[in-house]
Structures are given as structure tokens and as C-alpha cells.
Protein backbone atom coordinates (compact mmCIF):
# COMPACT_ATOMS: atom_id res chain seq x y z
CA MET A 1 -32.93 7.77 16.73
CA PHE A 2 -34.61 4.63 18.04
CA SER A 3 -33.91 2.68 14.82
CA ARG A 4 -30.20 3.62 14.98
CA ARG A 5 -29.97 2.09 18.45
CA ILE A 6 -31.59 -1.11 17.22
CA VAL A 7 -29.17 -1.33 14.29
CA PHE A 8 -26.22 -0.62 16.57
CA CYS A 9 -27.34 -3.23 19.13
CA ALA A 10 -27.94 -5.79 16.38
CA ALA A 11 -24.45 -5.15 14.98
CA VAL A 12 -22.88 -5.59 18.43
CA LEU A 13 -24.78 -8.81 19.03
CA LEU A 14 -23.79 -10.20 15.63
CA GLY A 15 -20.18 -9.28 16.31
CA LEU A 16 -20.29 -11.11 19.62
CA ALA A 17 -21.99 -14.13 18.10
CA PHE A 18 -19.76 -14.48 15.05
CA GLY A 19 -16.57 -12.89 16.32
CA PRO A 20 -14.93 -16.20 17.21
CA LEU A 21 -15.44 -17.40 13.63
CA ALA A 22 -13.49 -14.43 12.33
CA GLN A 23 -10.42 -15.19 14.43
CA ALA A 24 -7.50 -16.24 12.30
CA ARG A 25 -6.81 -19.95 12.22
CA ASP A 26 -3.88 -21.31 10.28
CA SER A 27 -3.54 -25.03 10.88
CA ALA A 28 -0.74 -26.71 8.94
CA LEU A 29 -1.70 -30.25 7.97
CA HIS A 30 0.48 -32.91 6.36
CA LEU A 31 -1.80 -35.15 4.34
CA PRO A 32 -1.26 -38.19 2.08
CA ILE A 33 -0.66 -37.36 -1.58
CA LYS A 34 -2.17 -40.72 -2.57
CA ASP A 35 -5.58 -39.62 -1.24
CA VAL A 36 -5.67 -37.02 -4.01
CA LEU A 37 -4.01 -39.05 -6.77
CA GLU A 38 -6.18 -42.12 -6.14
CA ASP A 39 -9.51 -40.33 -5.68
CA PRO A 40 -11.78 -41.69 -8.46
CA GLU A 41 -13.31 -38.25 -9.01
CA PHE A 42 -9.88 -36.63 -9.38
CA LYS A 43 -8.09 -39.27 -11.49
CA SER A 44 -9.85 -38.39 -14.72
CA ARG A 45 -9.21 -34.69 -14.19
CA LEU A 46 -5.48 -35.23 -13.58
CA GLY A 47 -5.06 -37.33 -16.73
CA THR A 48 -2.11 -39.55 -17.55
CA ASP A 49 -0.09 -37.50 -20.05
CA ILE A 50 1.96 -35.63 -17.41
CA ALA A 51 3.81 -37.68 -14.78
CA LEU A 52 4.08 -36.27 -11.27
CA TYR A 53 7.08 -37.04 -9.02
CA PHE A 54 7.06 -35.84 -5.43
CA GLY A 55 10.02 -35.04 -3.22
CA LYS A 56 13.02 -37.16 -4.06
CA GLN A 57 11.19 -39.90 -5.99
CA ALA A 58 13.34 -41.51 -8.67
CA THR A 59 12.50 -40.64 -12.26
CA PRO A 60 13.49 -41.99 -15.66
CA PRO A 61 16.38 -40.09 -17.26
CA VAL A 62 15.65 -36.43 -18.04
CA ALA A 63 15.96 -35.61 -21.75
CA GLN A 64 15.30 -31.89 -21.32
CA ALA A 65 14.81 -29.64 -18.30
CA PHE A 66 12.65 -26.56 -18.61
CA SER A 67 11.95 -24.34 -15.63
CA GLU A 68 10.78 -24.39 -12.06
CA VAL A 69 7.08 -23.78 -11.67
CA THR A 70 5.18 -22.61 -8.60
CA THR A 71 1.54 -22.51 -7.66
CA ASN A 72 -0.33 -21.03 -4.72
CA LYS A 73 -3.96 -22.07 -4.71
CA LYS A 74 -6.76 -21.30 -2.27
CA THR A 75 -10.26 -22.66 -1.86
CA ASN A 76 -13.25 -21.90 0.26
CA SER A 77 -13.20 -24.22 3.28
CA PHE A 78 -16.34 -22.93 4.97
CA GLY A 79 -18.65 -25.82 5.80
CA LYS A 80 -16.16 -28.45 4.58
CA SER A 81 -13.96 -30.76 6.60
CA ASP A 82 -10.29 -29.80 6.61
CA ASP A 83 -9.48 -33.00 4.72
CA LYS A 84 -12.04 -32.35 1.98
CA ALA A 85 -10.99 -28.71 1.54
CA CYS A 86 -7.32 -29.71 1.39
CA ARG A 87 -7.92 -32.43 -1.19
CA TRP A 88 -9.80 -29.98 -3.44
CA VAL A 89 -7.15 -27.29 -3.21
CA MET A 90 -4.36 -29.85 -3.77
CA LEU A 91 -6.18 -31.00 -6.92
CA SER A 92 -6.31 -27.40 -8.11
CA ALA A 93 -2.59 -26.92 -7.44
CA LEU A 94 -1.68 -30.14 -9.28
CA LEU A 95 -3.85 -29.17 -12.25
CA GLN A 96 -1.95 -25.89 -12.50
CA LEU A 97 1.41 -27.73 -12.45
CA ILE A 98 0.15 -30.12 -15.14
CA GLU A 99 -1.07 -27.26 -17.33
CA SER A 100 2.29 -25.50 -16.96
CA ALA A 101 4.11 -28.67 -18.02
CA ARG A 102 1.89 -29.04 -21.07
CA SER A 103 2.39 -25.43 -22.11
CA HIS A 104 6.19 -25.79 -21.87
CA GLY A 105 6.28 -29.07 -23.80
CA GLY A 106 7.18 -31.19 -20.78
CA ASN A 107 5.84 -34.60 -19.94
CA ALA A 108 6.54 -34.56 -16.19
CA VAL A 109 6.85 -32.39 -13.13
CA THR A 110 9.58 -33.59 -10.78
CA GLU A 111 10.80 -32.63 -7.32
CA ILE A 112 7.31 -31.44 -6.34
CA ALA A 113 7.42 -29.96 -2.85
CA SER A 114 5.10 -27.90 -0.71
CA ASP A 115 6.25 -24.29 -0.49
CA TYR A 116 3.71 -22.47 1.68
CA LYS A 117 4.88 -18.90 2.37
CA LYS A 118 8.27 -19.90 0.91
CA VAL A 119 8.79 -22.55 3.63
CA GLU A 120 9.65 -25.78 1.88
CA PHE A 121 8.23 -29.14 2.99
CA VAL A 122 9.67 -32.02 0.95
CA SER A 123 8.08 -35.45 1.08
CA ASP A 124 7.54 -38.35 -1.28
CA THR A 125 4.23 -39.19 0.37
CA GLU A 126 2.70 -36.06 1.97
CA TYR A 127 1.77 -32.50 1.05
CA GLU A 128 1.24 -29.51 3.30
CA CYS A 129 -2.11 -27.74 3.45
CA HIS A 130 -2.94 -24.70 5.56
CA VAL A 131 -6.53 -24.38 6.72
CA GLY A 132 -8.16 -21.32 8.23
CA GLY A 133 -11.70 -20.52 9.24
CA VAL A 134 -12.88 -20.00 5.67
CA VAL A 135 -9.90 -20.66 3.37
CA ALA A 136 -7.59 -23.61 2.69
CA GLY A 137 -4.37 -23.21 0.74
CA VAL A 138 -1.71 -25.32 -0.92
CA ALA A 139 1.46 -23.94 -2.46
CA LEU A 140 3.67 -26.22 -4.56
CA LYS A 141 6.81 -25.94 -6.59
CA GLY A 142 8.33 -28.39 -9.02
CA ARG A 143 10.56 -28.72 -12.05
CA ILE A 144 9.11 -29.14 -15.53
CA VAL A 145 11.03 -31.72 -17.55
CA LYS A 146 10.77 -33.97 -20.56
CA LEU A 147 11.62 -37.52 -19.56
CA GLN A 148 13.09 -40.06 -21.98
């Protein structure tokens, strides 16, 4: 009986101590795309065989259009700055778009836009990242094409 009270009291104290961390946070951040594309650690992982065009950026003529592709990536943000977590999850989302383009025979992904919870954010220079207490997420959509 005594040990049950100790366990119960410990559980209550832990809940009080860590309860605020469990509250839902969903901060929408608009961050520079160039910080991901120009990161020396990320450049080699992104490669150069698939071109990425954001928002309404002009592209060379399209020889063949394939399909729209979407991605919804998450990463652990616990113990990381919002900026660092967002850059990592954006890298992951871009890598998925690039892999989709390769598998379809495309050489570019155009019209890339943020599409978090189906709410579109279109920008040539920024992406949208949502950060919570322990998870950061980026959702993108774009069009796979073969450019001339």
C-alpha cells in the first residue's frame, strides 16, 4: 500500500513538472529556402541532376510533364533549435521530391510550394515549417517535369 502511494505521488509530480512540455505547440515559420540549398552539408546530398524551382520561378521550356508529387515529412525537434529542425526536415522533404523525379524520369521539380495540412504557401524564396514541442514538419508539393 505504501509503495503504491509513492508511485502515485511520483507520477503526479512528474506530470506537474513535465506537463507544460506536453502542451501542443504548432508554430508556423517561414524560412529562407537558400539556407537549405546553400548549406555545405546538404549540397552534396541534394545533388545536381534534378533542378528545383520554387513558387513561380521561371524555368526552361518543359519537354514533358509527369505528375504532381507531394511529401509530408516530420523530424524530431526535441533539443534542437527551430531553425535547425526545420532545415533538416526541409532537406528530407526535398530529397523525397528529388527521388520521385528520378523514378519518373524527370530532371526537375517545378512549382514547389509548401502545403502543410493542405494549406498552400507559395513563395520563390521561403518555405513553411511547423514546429511543435518535439516534432517539426514540412509538407511540399511540386510538379515533376523533364525540361529541354
